[in-house]
Protein backbone atom coordinates (compact mmCIF):
# COMPACT_ATOMS: atom_id res chain seq x y z
CA MET A 1 0.00 0.00 0.00
CA ASP A 2 1.40 3.41 -0.90
CA ILE A 3 1.82 6.08 1.76
CA LEU A 4 -1.08 8.27 0.64
CA LYS A 5 -3.46 5.31 0.76
CA GLN A 6 -2.17 4.44 4.23
CA VAL A 7 -2.92 7.95 5.45
CA GLU A 8 -6.41 7.73 3.97
CA LYS A 9 -6.94 4.33 5.60
CA GLU A 10 -5.50 5.03 9.05
CA LYS A 11 -6.63 8.68 9.29
CA LEU A 12 -4.76 9.41 12.56
CA ILE A 13 -1.30 11.00 12.52
CA ALA A 14 0.32 11.15 15.95
CA ILE A 15 2.49 14.23 16.50
CA ILE A 16 5.50 13.64 18.77
CA ARG A 17 7.09 16.91 19.83
CA GLY A 18 9.78 17.76 22.35
CA TYR A 19 11.19 14.33 23.19
CA ASP A 20 14.65 12.89 22.60
CA THR A 21 15.35 9.81 20.51
CA LYS A 22 15.05 7.18 23.25
CA GLU A 23 11.88 8.75 24.61
CA THR A 24 10.33 9.01 21.16
CA ILE A 25 10.97 5.33 20.43
CA LYS A 26 9.22 4.40 23.68
CA ILE A 27 6.29 6.68 22.82
CA ALA A 28 6.11 5.28 19.29
CA LYS A 29 5.84 1.74 20.65
CA ALA A 30 3.13 2.84 23.10
CA LEU A 31 1.21 4.45 20.24
CA TYR A 32 1.58 1.30 18.15
CA GLU A 33 0.10 -0.76 20.98
CA GLY A 34 -2.87 1.59 20.91
CA GLY A 35 -3.39 1.12 17.18
CA ILE A 36 -1.62 4.19 15.75
CA ARG A 37 0.31 3.55 12.54
CA LEU A 38 1.31 7.07 11.38
CA LEU A 39 3.90 9.08 13.32
CA GLU A 40 5.09 12.64 12.83
CA VAL A 41 8.33 13.70 14.52
CA THR A 42 8.61 17.48 14.61
CA LEU A 43 11.93 18.94 13.54
CA ASN A 44 11.98 21.33 16.49
CA SER A 45 12.52 18.34 18.79
CA ASP A 46 16.04 17.51 20.01
CA ASN A 47 18.00 15.39 17.52
CA ALA A 48 14.90 15.07 15.34
CA LEU A 49 16.74 13.74 12.28
CA GLN A 50 18.51 11.12 14.38
CA THR A 51 15.15 10.17 15.88
CA ILE A 52 13.53 9.77 12.47
CA GLY A 53 16.41 7.55 11.38
CA ALA A 54 16.19 5.44 14.53
CA LEU A 55 12.44 5.00 14.19
CA HIS A 56 12.85 4.11 10.53
CA SER A 57 15.38 1.41 11.43
CA GLU A 58 13.50 -0.01 14.41
CA LEU A 59 9.83 0.30 13.44
CA GLU A 60 9.82 0.55 9.65
CA ASN A 61 7.61 -2.52 9.24
CA ASP A 62 5.11 -1.36 11.86
CA VAL A 63 4.57 2.37 11.35
CA VAL A 64 4.98 5.09 8.73
CA ILE A 65 7.29 7.86 9.94
CA GLY A 66 7.14 11.43 8.75
CA ALA A 67 8.61 14.79 9.69
CA GLY A 68 6.67 17.77 10.97
CA THR A 69 7.33 21.47 11.54
CA VAL A 70 9.34 21.47 8.30
CA LEU A 71 9.87 25.14 7.45
CA ASP A 72 12.07 25.04 4.35
CA SER A 73 13.18 22.85 1.47
CA GLU A 74 16.60 22.11 2.96
CA SER A 75 15.02 20.70 6.11
CA ALA A 76 12.61 18.65 4.01
CA VAL A 77 15.46 17.03 2.09
CA LEU A 78 17.38 16.23 5.29
CA ALA A 79 14.28 14.65 6.83
CA ILE A 80 13.62 12.58 3.71
CA LYS A 81 17.22 11.35 3.67
CA ALA A 82 16.80 10.38 7.34
CA GLY A 83 13.81 8.22 6.42
CA ALA A 84 10.72 10.46 6.52
CA LYS A 85 7.93 9.19 4.26
CA PHE A 86 5.82 12.35 4.49
CA ILE A 87 6.64 16.01 5.11
CA ILE A 88 4.28 18.21 7.12
CA SER A 89 4.65 21.98 7.50
CA PRO A 90 2.83 24.55 9.66
CA THR A 91 2.96 27.02 6.75
CA LEU A 92 2.66 27.10 2.97
CA ASP A 93 6.12 27.17 1.40
CA ILE A 94 6.13 26.36 -2.30
CA GLU A 95 9.82 25.41 -2.44
CA THR A 96 9.33 22.89 0.37
CA ILE A 97 6.49 21.28 -1.57
CA LYS A 98 8.59 21.11 -4.74
CA ALA A 99 11.60 19.62 -2.94
CA THR A 100 9.41 17.01 -1.26
CA LYS A 101 7.80 15.95 -4.52
CA ARG A 102 11.18 15.73 -6.28
CA TYR A 103 11.97 12.90 -3.89
CA GLY A 104 8.60 11.24 -4.43
CA VAL A 105 7.50 11.85 -0.85
CA ILE A 106 4.04 12.85 0.39
CA SER A 107 3.72 16.63 0.84
CA ILE A 108 1.37 18.03 3.51
CA PRO A 109 1.77 21.81 3.85
CA ALA A 110 -0.55 23.90 6.00
CA ALA A 111 -3.12 26.43 4.87
CA PHE A 112 -5.96 28.40 6.42
CA THR A 113 -7.96 30.14 3.71
CA PRO A 114 -9.48 28.68 0.52
CA THR A 115 -6.95 30.66 -1.54
CA GLU A 116 -4.03 29.16 0.40
CA ILE A 117 -5.57 25.69 0.22
CA LEU A 118 -5.89 25.87 -3.56
CA SER A 119 -2.38 27.32 -3.92
CA ALA A 120 -0.98 24.40 -1.92
CA GLN A 121 -2.78 21.85 -4.06
CA GLU A 122 -1.71 23.52 -7.30
CA ALA A 123 1.91 23.53 -6.10
CA GLY A 124 1.79 19.75 -5.73
CA ALA A 125 0.58 19.08 -2.19
CA ASP A 126 -0.94 15.62 -1.77
CA ILE A 127 -2.91 16.68 1.32
CA VAL A 128 -3.42 20.13 2.83
CA LYS A 129 -3.13 20.51 6.59
CA LEU A 130 -5.85 22.78 7.98
CA PHE A 131 -4.11 24.66 10.76
CA PRO A 132 -5.07 25.68 13.34
CA ALA A 133 -8.22 23.54 13.21
CA SER A 134 -9.33 24.77 16.62
CA SER A 135 -10.02 28.19 15.09
CA LEU A 136 -12.01 26.69 12.21
CA GLY A 137 -14.08 23.78 13.50
CA PRO A 138 -15.39 20.68 11.69
CA ASN A 139 -17.91 22.60 9.57
CA TYR A 140 -15.05 24.46 7.88
CA VAL A 141 -13.99 21.22 6.20
CA LYS A 142 -17.46 20.83 4.70
CA ASP A 143 -17.57 24.52 3.72
CA VAL A 144 -14.22 24.34 1.89
CA HIS A 145 -15.25 21.16 0.10
CA GLY A 146 -18.19 23.04 -1.39
CA PRO A 147 -16.04 24.84 -3.99
CA LEU A 148 -12.94 22.63 -3.58
CA PRO A 149 -14.20 19.04 -3.24
CA HIS A 150 -11.11 17.49 -4.82
CA ILE A 151 -8.63 18.65 -2.16
CA LYS A 152 -7.75 16.29 0.69
CA LEU A 153 -7.78 18.11 4.05
CA LEU A 154 -6.04 17.17 7.31
CA PRO A 155 -7.26 19.28 10.27
CA THR A 156 -4.59 19.70 12.95
CA GLY A 157 -4.50 21.69 16.18
CA GLY A 158 -7.32 21.31 18.66
CA VAL A 159 -8.50 17.90 17.45
CA ASN A 160 -9.52 15.73 20.40
CA VAL A 161 -11.54 12.63 21.27
CA GLU A 162 -14.74 14.67 21.42
CA ASN A 163 -14.52 16.22 17.94
CA VAL A 164 -12.36 13.83 15.89
CA THR A 165 -15.32 11.87 14.53
CA GLU A 166 -17.07 15.03 13.36
CA PHE A 167 -13.98 16.24 11.49
CA ILE A 168 -13.87 12.95 9.57
CA GLN A 169 -17.63 12.92 8.98
CA LYS A 170 -17.43 16.44 7.55
CA GLY A 171 -14.96 15.22 4.93
CA ALA A 172 -11.43 15.34 6.39
CA VAL A 173 -9.13 12.68 4.96
CA GLY A 174 -7.55 12.38 8.40
CA VAL A 175 -6.38 14.44 11.38
CA GLY A 176 -3.17 15.39 13.11
CA LEU A 177 -3.22 14.63 16.84
CA GLY A 178 -0.99 16.58 19.18
CA SER A 179 -1.17 16.96 22.95
CA SER A 180 -4.59 15.31 23.15
CA LEU A 181 -2.78 12.09 22.22
CA VAL A 182 0.82 12.66 23.35
CA PRO A 183 1.18 15.39 26.01
CA ASN A 184 4.22 17.62 25.52
CA THR A 185 7.37 17.61 27.68
CA VAL A 186 6.21 15.14 30.29
CA ASN A 187 8.53 12.64 31.96
CA VAL A 188 8.34 9.40 30.03
CA THR A 189 7.42 7.01 32.83
CA ASP A 190 5.68 3.65 32.52
CA GLU A 191 2.50 5.35 33.67
CA PHE A 192 2.84 8.00 31.00
CA LEU A 193 3.36 5.40 28.29
CA GLU A 194 0.31 3.49 29.49
CA GLN A 195 -1.70 6.70 29.25
CA VAL A 196 -0.44 7.30 25.71
CA THR A 197 -1.56 3.79 24.73
CA ASN A 198 -4.95 4.36 26.34
CA ASN A 199 -5.31 7.71 24.55
CA ALA A 200 -4.47 6.00 21.27
CA LYS A 201 -7.07 3.30 21.88
CA GLN A 202 -9.72 5.96 22.46
CA PHE A 203 -8.97 7.60 19.12
CA THR A 204 -8.67 4.37 17.15
CA SER A 205 -11.93 3.07 18.61
CA LYS A 206 -13.62 6.24 17.35
CA MET A 207 -12.41 5.48 13.84
CA LYS A 208 -13.96 2.01 14.00
CA THR A 209 -17.40 3.58 14.45
CA LEU A 210 -17.23 5.43 11.12
């Protein structure tokens, strides 16, 4: 199955931000136990490229690893060479999209307005990240799909267990899950990892009801 089809099938991208390599591997395994198969390691985490490479080596057969908070084309290329299978940005940078597609990797830039969303798609984006989704709400996905039904949208920021189903029902191809799934900068204890797995199970069980 190609990466785009996996995103469309799994729908949930777990965002891991602010943890070192060893911690991230533990979190990734906890997420896997909870049913999560798509992981985004943000480049503003310590040793992010090393972490992506380590995850790629250790969990390649279990999860799809991508890079997030990718702000420029140079960072995109470094992440891809480290093993990232998709590139997610918090902004719309055309050169980052072009560099990502040159390597045959899934491009997911962020946009907010219909004009930005269309510009991202026309530049080659496979999916457009709606960010911040908390400011837009699930109905925005449906509203955008009125004039732009062909563009795949990935709401991120403010997606939680209570609203995740509605985002998908309104037409989102998937969602990015941040602190509602993996809290930021918390000590990675056994209890924390158990909570991450339980959080993941809550989200994945919601997807089974669709």
